[in-house]
């Protein structure tokens, strides 16, 4: 789906690469804005309260305000759908 929506091969590789280094090498090959967005997603996944001013400043430097909202919305909706489906034992579909 990501490719259909215009994601680069490097981004798809970084998201799928879970090799011995946990995908760090693939993520390091991404441009800074994407690396920051993925770091932000990891922090929001753990707790939205853990987003530091420094991380938010780096995110805001890489993306315009509308994009920051969209990134946060995608993270939040993905969390919502995963928790909803997991709680109801909904099996993933292709």
PDB file of N, CA and C in Angstrom:
ATOM      1  N   UNK A   1       0.824  -1.187   0.000  1.00  0.00           N
ATOM      2  CA  UNK A   1       0.000   0.000   0.000  1.00  0.00           C
ATOM      3  C   UNK A   1       0.876   1.261   0.000  1.00  0.00           C
ATOM      4  N   UNK A   2       1.972   1.227   0.740  1.00  0.00           N
ATOM      5  CA  UNK A   2       2.838   2.409   0.808  1.00  0.00           C
ATOM      6  C   UNK A   2       3.355   2.797  -0.571  1.00  0.00           C
ATOM      7  N   UNK A   3       3.750   1.800  -1.346  1.00  0.00           N
ATOM      8  CA  UNK A   3       4.232   2.087  -2.703  1.00  0.00           C
ATOM      9  C   UNK A   3       3.132   2.716  -3.547  1.00  0.00           C
ATOM     10  N   UNK A   4       1.908   2.220  -3.410  1.00  0.00           N
ATOM     11  CA  UNK A   4       0.776   2.765  -4.169  1.00  0.00           C
ATOM     12  C   UNK A   4       0.527   4.222  -3.814  1.00  0.00           C
ATOM     13  N   UNK A   5       0.860   4.610  -2.589  1.00  0.00           N
ATOM     14  CA  UNK A   5       0.641   5.982  -2.132  1.00  0.00           C
ATOM     15  C   UNK A   5       1.858   6.871  -2.361  1.00  0.00           C
ATOM     16  N   UNK A   6       2.882   6.329  -3.047  1.00  0.00           N
ATOM     17  CA  UNK A   6       4.024   7.156  -3.425  1.00  0.00           C
ATOM     18  C   UNK A   6       5.248   7.052  -2.542  1.00  0.00           C
ATOM     19  N   UNK A   7       5.292   6.109  -1.610  1.00  0.00           N
ATOM     20  CA  UNK A   7       6.470   5.959  -0.756  1.00  0.00           C
ATOM     21  C   UNK A   7       7.658   5.497  -1.593  1.00  0.00           C
ATOM     22  N   UNK A   8       8.817   6.023  -1.273  1.00  0.00           N
ATOM     23  CA  UNK A   8      10.032   5.634  -1.990  1.00  0.00           C
ATOM     24  C   UNK A   8      10.439   4.216  -1.602  1.00  0.00           C
ATOM     25  N   UNK A   9      11.246   3.608  -2.458  1.00  0.00           N
ATOM     26  CA  UNK A   9      11.750   2.261  -2.154  1.00  0.00           C
ATOM     27  C   UNK A   9      12.600   2.286  -0.886  1.00  0.00           C
ATOM     28  N   UNK A  10      13.373   3.358  -0.688  1.00  0.00           N
ATOM     29  CA  UNK A  10      14.212   3.462   0.509  1.00  0.00           C
ATOM     30  C   UNK A  10      13.355   3.476   1.771  1.00  0.00           C
ATOM     31  N   UNK A  11      12.227   4.194   1.726  1.00  0.00           N
ATOM     32  CA  UNK A  11      11.351   4.244   2.894  1.00  0.00           C
ATOM     33  C   UNK A  11      10.713   2.885   3.148  1.00  0.00           C
ATOM     34  N   UNK A  12      10.222   2.243   2.105  1.00  0.00           N
ATOM     35  CA  UNK A  12       9.615   0.915   2.264  1.00  0.00           C
ATOM     36  C   UNK A  12      10.651  -0.062   2.810  1.00  0.00           C
ATOM     37  N   UNK A  13      11.874  -0.017   2.278  1.00  0.00           N
ATOM     38  CA  UNK A  13      12.934  -0.897   2.773  1.00  0.00           C
ATOM     39  C   UNK A  13      13.208  -0.646   4.252  1.00  0.00           C
ATOM     40  N   UNK A  14      13.261   0.620   4.654  1.00  0.00           N
ATOM     41  CA  UNK A  14      13.530   0.952   6.054  1.00  0.00           C
ATOM     42  C   UNK A  14      12.427   0.441   6.966  1.00  0.00           C
ATOM     43  N   UNK A  15      11.196   0.509   6.512  1.00  0.00           N
ATOM     44  CA  UNK A  15      10.074   0.050   7.325  1.00  0.00           C
ATOM     45  C   UNK A  15      10.013  -1.470   7.401  1.00  0.00           C
ATOM     46  N   UNK A  16      10.455  -2.145   6.350  1.00  0.00           N
ATOM     47  CA  UNK A  16      10.385  -3.607   6.312  1.00  0.00           C
ATOM     48  C   UNK A  16      11.637  -4.282   6.849  1.00  0.00           C
ATOM     49  N   UNK A  17      12.768  -3.600   6.831  1.00  0.00           N
ATOM     50  CA  UNK A  17      14.045  -4.203   7.219  1.00  0.00           C
ATOM     51  C   UNK A  17      14.101  -4.367   8.731  1.00  0.00           C
ATOM     52  N   UNK A  18      14.040  -5.588   9.167  1.00  0.00           N
ATOM     53  CA  UNK A  18      14.161  -5.861  10.592  1.00  0.00           C
ATOM     54  C   UNK A  18      15.288  -6.864  10.808  1.00  0.00           C
ATOM     55  N   UNK A  19      16.401  -6.627  10.117  1.00  0.00           N
ATOM     56  CA  UNK A  19      17.554  -7.516  10.200  1.00  0.00           C
ATOM     57  C   UNK A  19      18.182  -7.491  11.582  1.00  0.00           C
ATOM     58  N   UNK A  20      19.406  -7.968  11.665  1.00  0.00           N
ATOM     59  CA  UNK A  20      20.102  -8.079  12.936  1.00  0.00           C
ATOM     60  C   UNK A  20      20.252  -6.764  13.681  1.00  0.00           C
ATOM     61  N   UNK A  21      20.223  -5.658  12.958  1.00  0.00           N
ATOM     62  CA  UNK A  21      20.371  -4.355  13.621  1.00  0.00           C
ATOM     63  C   UNK A  21      19.027  -3.692  13.886  1.00  0.00           C
ATOM     64  N   UNK A  22      17.931  -4.418  13.707  1.00  0.00           N
ATOM     65  CA  UNK A  22      16.599  -3.859  13.953  1.00  0.00           C
ATOM     66  C   UNK A  22      16.168  -2.852  12.911  1.00  0.00           C
ATOM     67  N   UNK A  23      16.837  -2.837  11.764  1.00  0.00           N
ATOM     68  CA  UNK A  23      16.471  -1.916  10.699  1.00  0.00           C
ATOM     69  C   UNK A  23      17.202  -0.590  10.748  1.00  0.00           C
ATOM     70  N   UNK A  24      18.126  -0.433  11.711  1.00  0.00           N
ATOM     71  CA  UNK A  24      18.818   0.852  11.865  1.00  0.00           C
ATOM     72  C   UNK A  24      19.591   1.269  10.617  1.00  0.00           C
ATOM     73  N   UNK A  25      20.251   0.319   9.963  1.00  0.00           N
ATOM     74  CA  UNK A  25      21.050   0.663   8.773  1.00  0.00           C
ATOM     75  C   UNK A  25      20.159   1.208   7.668  1.00  0.00           C
ATOM     76  N   UNK A  26      19.011   0.584   7.450  1.00  0.00           N
ATOM     77  CA  UNK A  26      18.086   1.057   6.411  1.00  0.00           C
ATOM     78  C   UNK A  26      17.526   2.427   6.775  1.00  0.00           C
ATOM     79  N   UNK A  27      17.226   2.639   8.042  1.00  0.00           N
ATOM     80  CA  UNK A  27      16.682   3.927   8.483  1.00  0.00           C
ATOM     81  C   UNK A  27      17.726   5.028   8.316  1.00  0.00           C
ATOM     82  N   UNK A  28      18.985   4.725   8.607  1.00  0.00           N
ATOM     83  CA  UNK A  28      20.050   5.724   8.469  1.00  0.00           C
ATOM     84  C   UNK A  28      20.229   6.186   7.024  1.00  0.00           C
ATOM     85  N   UNK A  29      19.812   5.389   6.067  1.00  0.00           N
ATOM     86  CA  UNK A  29      19.929   5.777   4.654  1.00  0.00           C
ATOM     87  C   UNK A  29      18.829   6.756   4.226  1.00  0.00           C
ATOM     88  N   UNK A  30      17.819   6.933   5.053  1.00  0.00           N
ATOM     89  CA  UNK A  30      16.735   7.866   4.725  1.00  0.00           C
ATOM     90  C   UNK A  30      17.183   9.304   4.941  1.00  0.00           C
ATOM     91  N   UNK A  31      16.489  10.229   4.292  1.00  0.00           N
ATOM     92  CA  UNK A  31      16.784  11.637   4.542  1.00  0.00           C
ATOM     93  C   UNK A  31      16.341  12.000   5.962  1.00  0.00           C
ATOM     94  N   UNK A  32      16.921  13.056   6.483  1.00  0.00           N
ATOM     95  CA  UNK A  32      16.750  13.438   7.884  1.00  0.00           C
ATOM     96  C   UNK A  32      15.282  13.582   8.297  1.00  0.00           C
ATOM     97  N   UNK A  33      14.456  14.180   7.458  1.00  0.00           N
ATOM     98  CA  UNK A  33      13.048  14.374   7.820  1.00  0.00           C
ATOM     99  C   UNK A  33      12.323  13.069   8.082  1.00  0.00           C
ATOM    100  N   UNK A  34      12.585  12.070   7.230  1.00  0.00           N
ATOM    101  CA  UNK A  34      11.946  10.760   7.423  1.00  0.00           C
ATOM    102  C   UNK A  34      12.490  10.070   8.668  1.00  0.00           C
ATOM    103  N   UNK A  35      13.799  10.187   8.923  1.00  0.00           N
ATOM    104  CA  UNK A  35      14.365   9.592  10.143  1.00  0.00           C
ATOM    105  C   UNK A  35      13.726  10.217  11.378  1.00  0.00           C
ATOM    106  N   UNK A  36      13.542  11.523  11.346  1.00  0.00           N
ATOM    107  CA  UNK A  36      12.926  12.207  12.480  1.00  0.00           C
ATOM    108  C   UNK A  36      11.471  11.788  12.647  1.00  0.00           C
ATOM    109  N   UNK A  37      10.745  11.655  11.540  1.00  0.00           N
ATOM    110  CA  UNK A  37       9.343  11.225  11.615  1.00  0.00           C
ATOM    111  C   UNK A  37       9.232   9.824  12.210  1.00  0.00           C
ATOM    112  N   UNK A  38      10.140   8.923  11.839  1.00  0.00           N
ATOM    113  CA  UNK A  38      10.109   7.568  12.396  1.00  0.00           C
ATOM    114  C   UNK A  38      10.483   7.570  13.875  1.00  0.00           C
ATOM    115  N   UNK A  39      11.438   8.405  14.258  1.00  0.00           N
ATOM    116  CA  UNK A  39      11.786   8.537  15.677  1.00  0.00           C
ATOM    117  C   UNK A  39      10.583   9.065  16.459  1.00  0.00           C
ATOM    118  N   UNK A  40       9.927  10.065  15.911  1.00  0.00           N
ATOM    119  CA  UNK A  40       8.720  10.638  16.523  1.00  0.00           C
ATOM    120  C   UNK A  40       7.645   9.561  16.680  1.00  0.00           C
ATOM    121  N   UNK A  41       7.443   8.755  15.646  1.00  0.00           N
ATOM    122  CA  UNK A  41       6.443   7.680  15.711  1.00  0.00           C
ATOM    123  C   UNK A  41       6.776   6.693  16.822  1.00  0.00           C
ATOM    124  N   UNK A  42       8.046   6.354  16.973  1.00  0.00           N
ATOM    125  CA  UNK A  42       8.441   5.439  18.048  1.00  0.00           C
ATOM    126  C   UNK A  42       8.126   6.024  19.419  1.00  0.00           C
ATOM    127  N   UNK A  43       8.408   7.312  19.600  1.00  0.00           N
ATOM    128  CA  UNK A  43       8.157   7.959  20.888  1.00  0.00           C
ATOM    129  C   UNK A  43       6.656   8.064  21.152  1.00  0.00           C
ATOM    130  N   UNK A  44       5.886   8.484  20.159  1.00  0.00           N
ATOM    131  CA  UNK A  44       4.431   8.594  20.329  1.00  0.00           C
ATOM    132  C   UNK A  44       3.838   7.222  20.625  1.00  0.00           C
ATOM    133  N   UNK A  45       4.366   6.184  19.995  1.00  0.00           N
ATOM    134  CA  UNK A  45       3.887   4.820  20.240  1.00  0.00           C
ATOM    135  C   UNK A  45       4.042   4.454  21.718  1.00  0.00           C
ATOM    136  N   UNK A  46       5.179   4.837  22.308  1.00  0.00           N
ATOM    137  CA  UNK A  46       5.403   4.535  23.729  1.00  0.00           C
ATOM    138  C   UNK A  46       4.518   5.403  24.614  1.00  0.00           C
ATOM    139  N   UNK A  47       4.507   6.699  24.350  1.00  0.00           N
ATOM    140  CA  UNK A  47       3.688   7.641  25.127  1.00  0.00           C
ATOM    141  C   UNK A  47       3.823   9.026  24.513  1.00  0.00           C
ATOM    142  N   UNK A  48       2.708   9.637  24.189  1.00  0.00           N
ATOM    143  CA  UNK A  48       2.737  10.981  23.635  1.00  0.00           C
ATOM    144  C   UNK A  48       3.350  11.998  24.585  1.00  0.00           C
ATOM    145  N   UNK A  49       3.361  11.661  25.877  1.00  0.00           N
ATOM    146  CA  UNK A  49       3.934  12.565  26.877  1.00  0.00           C
ATOM    147  C   UNK A  49       5.454  12.611  26.810  1.00  0.00           C
ATOM    148  N   UNK A  50       6.061  11.660  26.107  1.00  0.00           N
ATOM    149  CA  UNK A  50       7.519  11.575  26.045  1.00  0.00           C
ATOM    150  C   UNK A  50       8.125  12.341  24.874  1.00  0.00           C
ATOM    151  N   UNK A  51       7.312  13.035  24.083  1.00  0.00           N
ATOM    152  CA  UNK A  51       7.838  13.833  22.971  1.00  0.00           C
ATOM    153  C   UNK A  51       8.509  15.072  23.571  1.00  0.00           C
ATOM    154  N   UNK A  52       9.823  15.128  23.441  1.00  0.00           N
ATOM    155  CA  UNK A  52      10.561  16.255  24.014  1.00  0.00           C
ATOM    156  C   UNK A  52      10.433  17.490  23.123  1.00  0.00           C
ATOM    157  N   UNK A  53      10.725  18.639  23.703  1.00  0.00           N
ATOM    158  CA  UNK A  53      10.738  19.877  22.922  1.00  0.00           C
ATOM    159  C   UNK A  53      11.778  19.785  21.802  1.00  0.00           C
ATOM    160  N   UNK A  54      12.903  19.144  22.089  1.00  0.00           N
ATOM    161  CA  UNK A  54      13.977  19.006  21.101  1.00  0.00           C
ATOM    162  C   UNK A  54      13.519  18.154  19.918  1.00  0.00           C
ATOM    163  N   UNK A  55      12.856  17.032  20.184  1.00  0.00           N
ATOM    164  CA  UNK A  55      12.358  16.179  19.103  1.00  0.00           C
ATOM    165  C   UNK A  55      11.293  16.918  18.307  1.00  0.00           C
ATOM    166  N   UNK A  56      10.388  17.601  18.991  1.00  0.00           N
ATOM    167  CA  UNK A  56       9.332  18.331  18.290  1.00  0.00           C
ATOM    168  C   UNK A  56       9.927  19.447  17.425  1.00  0.00           C
ATOM    169  N   UNK A  57      10.976  20.096  17.915  1.00  0.00           N
ATOM    170  CA  UNK A  57      11.638  21.152  17.130  1.00  0.00           C
ATOM    171  C   UNK A  57      12.276  20.564  15.869  1.00  0.00           C
ATOM    172  N   UNK A  58      12.921  19.402  15.985  1.00  0.00           N
ATOM    173  CA  UNK A  58      13.512  18.758  14.805  1.00  0.00           C
ATOM    174  C   UNK A  58      12.435  18.339  13.817  1.00  0.00           C
ATOM    175  N   UNK A  59      11.315  17.815  14.323  1.00  0.00           N
ATOM    176  CA  UNK A  59      10.209  17.418  13.454  1.00  0.00           C
ATOM    177  C   UNK A  59       9.653  18.642  12.732  1.00  0.00           C
ATOM    178  N   UNK A  60       9.450  19.723  13.468  1.00  0.00           N
ATOM    179  CA  UNK A  60       8.897  20.955  12.893  1.00  0.00           C
ATOM    180  C   UNK A  60       9.852  21.619  11.910  1.00  0.00           C
ATOM    181  N   UNK A  61      11.143  21.392  12.081  1.00  0.00           N
ATOM    182  CA  UNK A  61      12.120  21.941  11.135  1.00  0.00           C
ATOM    183  C   UNK A  61      12.105  21.170   9.814  1.00  0.00           C
ATOM    184  N   UNK A  62      11.725  19.898   9.878  1.00  0.00           N
ATOM    185  CA  UNK A  62      11.737  19.055   8.680  1.00  0.00           C
ATOM    186  C   UNK A  62      10.408  19.058   7.931  1.00  0.00           C
ATOM    187  N   UNK A  63       9.320  19.343   8.619  1.00  0.00           N
ATOM    188  CA  UNK A  63       7.978  19.239   8.038  1.00  0.00           C
ATOM    189  C   UNK A  63       7.189  20.502   8.363  1.00  0.00           C
ATOM    190  N   UNK A  64       6.294  20.905   7.462  1.00  0.00           N
ATOM    191  CA  UNK A  64       5.465  22.082   7.744  1.00  0.00           C
ATOM    192  C   UNK A  64       4.366  21.688   8.743  1.00  0.00           C
ATOM    193  N   UNK A  65       3.689  22.682   9.356  1.00  0.00           N
ATOM    194  CA  UNK A  65       2.697  22.374  10.393  1.00  0.00           C
ATOM    195  C   UNK A  65       1.607  21.391   9.950  1.00  0.00           C
ATOM    196  N   UNK A  66       1.128  21.519   8.733  1.00  0.00           N
ATOM    197  CA  UNK A  66       0.112  20.590   8.243  1.00  0.00           C
ATOM    198  C   UNK A  66       0.639  19.169   8.148  1.00  0.00           C
ATOM    199  N   UNK A  67       1.895  19.033   7.744  1.00  0.00           N
ATOM    200  CA  UNK A  67       2.499  17.704   7.649  1.00  0.00           C
ATOM    201  C   UNK A  67       2.709  17.094   9.030  1.00  0.00           C
ATOM    202  N   UNK A  68       3.082  17.920  10.007  1.00  0.00           N
ATOM    203  CA  UNK A  68       3.240  17.422  11.379  1.00  0.00           C
ATOM    204  C   UNK A  68       1.901  16.899  11.893  1.00  0.00           C
ATOM    205  N   UNK A  69       0.828  17.627  11.617  1.00  0.00           N
ATOM    206  CA  UNK A  69      -0.506  17.167  12.014  1.00  0.00           C
ATOM    207  C   UNK A  69      -0.826  15.846  11.320  1.00  0.00           C
ATOM    208  N   UNK A  70      -0.552  15.756  10.023  1.00  0.00           N
ATOM    209  CA  UNK A  70      -0.852  14.532   9.276  1.00  0.00           C
ATOM    210  C   UNK A  70      -0.035  13.347   9.792  1.00  0.00           C
ATOM    211  N   UNK A  71       1.246  13.558  10.065  1.00  0.00           N
ATOM    212  CA  UNK A  71       2.092  12.494  10.613  1.00  0.00           C
ATOM    213  C   UNK A  71       1.519  12.016  11.940  1.00  0.00           C
ATOM    214  N   UNK A  72       1.153  12.959  12.804  1.00  0.00           N
ATOM    215  CA  UNK A  72       0.613  12.611  14.114  1.00  0.00           C
ATOM    216  C   UNK A  72      -0.728  11.898  13.981  1.00  0.00           C
ATOM    217  N   UNK A  73      -1.556  12.334  13.052  1.00  0.00           N
ATOM    218  CA  UNK A  73      -2.848  11.683  12.816  1.00  0.00           C
ATOM    219  C   UNK A  73      -2.655  10.240  12.363  1.00  0.00           C
ATOM    220  N   UNK A  74      -1.742  10.017  11.442  1.00  0.00           N
ATOM    221  CA  UNK A  74      -1.493   8.651  10.956  1.00  0.00           C
ATOM    222  C   UNK A  74      -0.995   7.764  12.100  1.00  0.00           C
ATOM    223  N   UNK A  75      -0.090   8.288  12.915  1.00  0.00           N
ATOM    224  CA  UNK A  75       0.406   7.517  14.060  1.00  0.00           C
ATOM    225  C   UNK A  75      -0.752   7.177  14.999  1.00  0.00           C
ATOM    226  N   UNK A  76      -1.543   8.179  15.348  1.00  0.00           N
ATOM    227  CA  UNK A  76      -2.655   7.971  16.275  1.00  0.00           C
ATOM    228  C   UNK A  76      -3.706   7.015  15.743  1.00  0.00           C
ATOM    229  N   UNK A  77      -4.062   7.159  14.485  1.00  0.00           N
ATOM    230  CA  UNK A  77      -5.087   6.278  13.906  1.00  0.00           C
ATOM    231  C   UNK A  77      -4.571   4.845  13.785  1.00  0.00           C
ATOM    232  N   UNK A  78      -3.294   4.691  13.463  1.00  0.00           N
ATOM    233  CA  UNK A  78      -2.718   3.349  13.399  1.00  0.00           C
ATOM    234  C   UNK A  78      -2.746   2.700  14.777  1.00  0.00           C
ATOM    235  N   UNK A  79      -2.379   3.458  15.803  1.00  0.00           N
ATOM    236  CA  UNK A  79      -2.455   2.945  17.176  1.00  0.00           C
ATOM    237  C   UNK A  79      -3.888   2.545  17.519  1.00  0.00           C
ATOM    238  N   UNK A  80      -4.835   3.411  17.188  1.00  0.00           N
ATOM    239  CA  UNK A  80      -6.246   3.138  17.477  1.00  0.00           C
ATOM    240  C   UNK A  80      -6.698   1.848  16.806  1.00  0.00           C
ATOM    241  N   UNK A  81      -6.466   1.731  15.499  1.00  0.00           N
ATOM    242  CA  UNK A  81      -6.924   0.542  14.773  1.00  0.00           C
ATOM    243  C   UNK A  81      -6.260  -0.723  15.298  1.00  0.00           C
ATOM    244  N   UNK A  82      -4.968  -0.652  15.602  1.00  0.00           N
ATOM    245  CA  UNK A  82      -4.284  -1.831  16.130  1.00  0.00           C
ATOM    246  C   UNK A  82      -4.858  -2.259  17.473  1.00  0.00           C
ATOM    247  N   UNK A  83      -5.067  -1.325  18.372  1.00  0.00           N
ATOM    248  CA  UNK A  83      -5.619  -1.670  19.690  1.00  0.00           C
ATOM    249  C   UNK A  83      -7.053  -2.170  19.578  1.00  0.00           C
ATOM    250  N   UNK A  84      -7.843  -1.529  18.749  1.00  0.00           N
ATOM    251  CA  UNK A  84      -9.233  -1.937  18.529  1.00  0.00           C
ATOM    252  C   UNK A  84      -9.278  -3.369  17.997  1.00  0.00           C
ATOM    253  N   UNK A  85      -8.519  -3.625  16.933  1.00  0.00           N
ATOM    254  CA  UNK A  85      -8.532  -4.953  16.316  1.00  0.00           C
ATOM    255  C   UNK A  85      -7.939  -6.020  17.229  1.00  0.00           C
ATOM    256  N   UNK A  86      -6.855  -5.694  17.925  1.00  0.00           N
ATOM    257  CA  UNK A  86      -6.263  -6.666  18.844  1.00  0.00           C
ATOM    258  C   UNK A  86      -7.236  -7.022  19.966  1.00  0.00           C
ATOM    259  N   UNK A  87      -7.911  -6.025  20.516  1.00  0.00           N
ATOM    260  CA  UNK A  87      -8.858  -6.264  21.611  1.00  0.00           C
ATOM    261  C   UNK A  87     -10.013  -7.151  21.188  1.00  0.00           C
ATOM    262  N   UNK A  88     -10.462  -6.989  19.954  1.00  0.00           N
ATOM    263  CA  UNK A  88     -11.594  -7.774  19.451  1.00  0.00           C
ATOM    264  C   UNK A  88     -11.158  -9.045  18.725  1.00  0.00           C
ATOM    265  N   UNK A  89      -9.847  -9.331  18.761  1.00  0.00           N
ATOM    266  CA  UNK A  89      -9.293 -10.535  18.106  1.00  0.00           C
ATOM    267  C   UNK A  89      -9.578 -10.557  16.608  1.00  0.00           C
ATOM    268  N   UNK A  90      -9.542  -9.386  15.986  1.00  0.00           N
ATOM    269  CA  UNK A  90      -9.755  -9.297  14.542  1.00  0.00           C
ATOM    270  C   UNK A  90      -8.452  -9.680  13.852  1.00  0.00           C
ATOM    271  N   UNK A  91      -8.512 -10.678  12.996  1.00  0.00           N
ATOM    272  CA  UNK A  91      -7.329 -11.140  12.278  1.00  0.00           C
ATOM    273  C   UNK A  91      -7.004 -10.177  11.133  1.00  0.00           C
ATOM    274  N   UNK A  92      -5.716  -9.906  10.906  1.00  0.00           N
ATOM    275  CA  UNK A  92      -5.334  -9.038   9.786  1.00  0.00           C
ATOM    276  C   UNK A  92      -5.749  -9.650   8.450  1.00  0.00           C
ATOM    277  N   UNK A  93      -6.063  -8.791   7.511  1.00  0.00           N
ATOM    278  CA  UNK A  93      -6.385  -9.236   6.159  1.00  0.00           C
ATOM    279  C   UNK A  93      -5.385  -8.620   5.205  1.00  0.00           C
ATOM    280  N   UNK A  94      -5.323  -9.166   4.012  1.00  0.00           N
ATOM    281  CA  UNK A  94      -4.395  -8.621   3.012  1.00  0.00           C
ATOM    282  C   UNK A  94      -5.106  -7.646   2.128  1.00  0.00           C
TER     283      UNK A  94
END
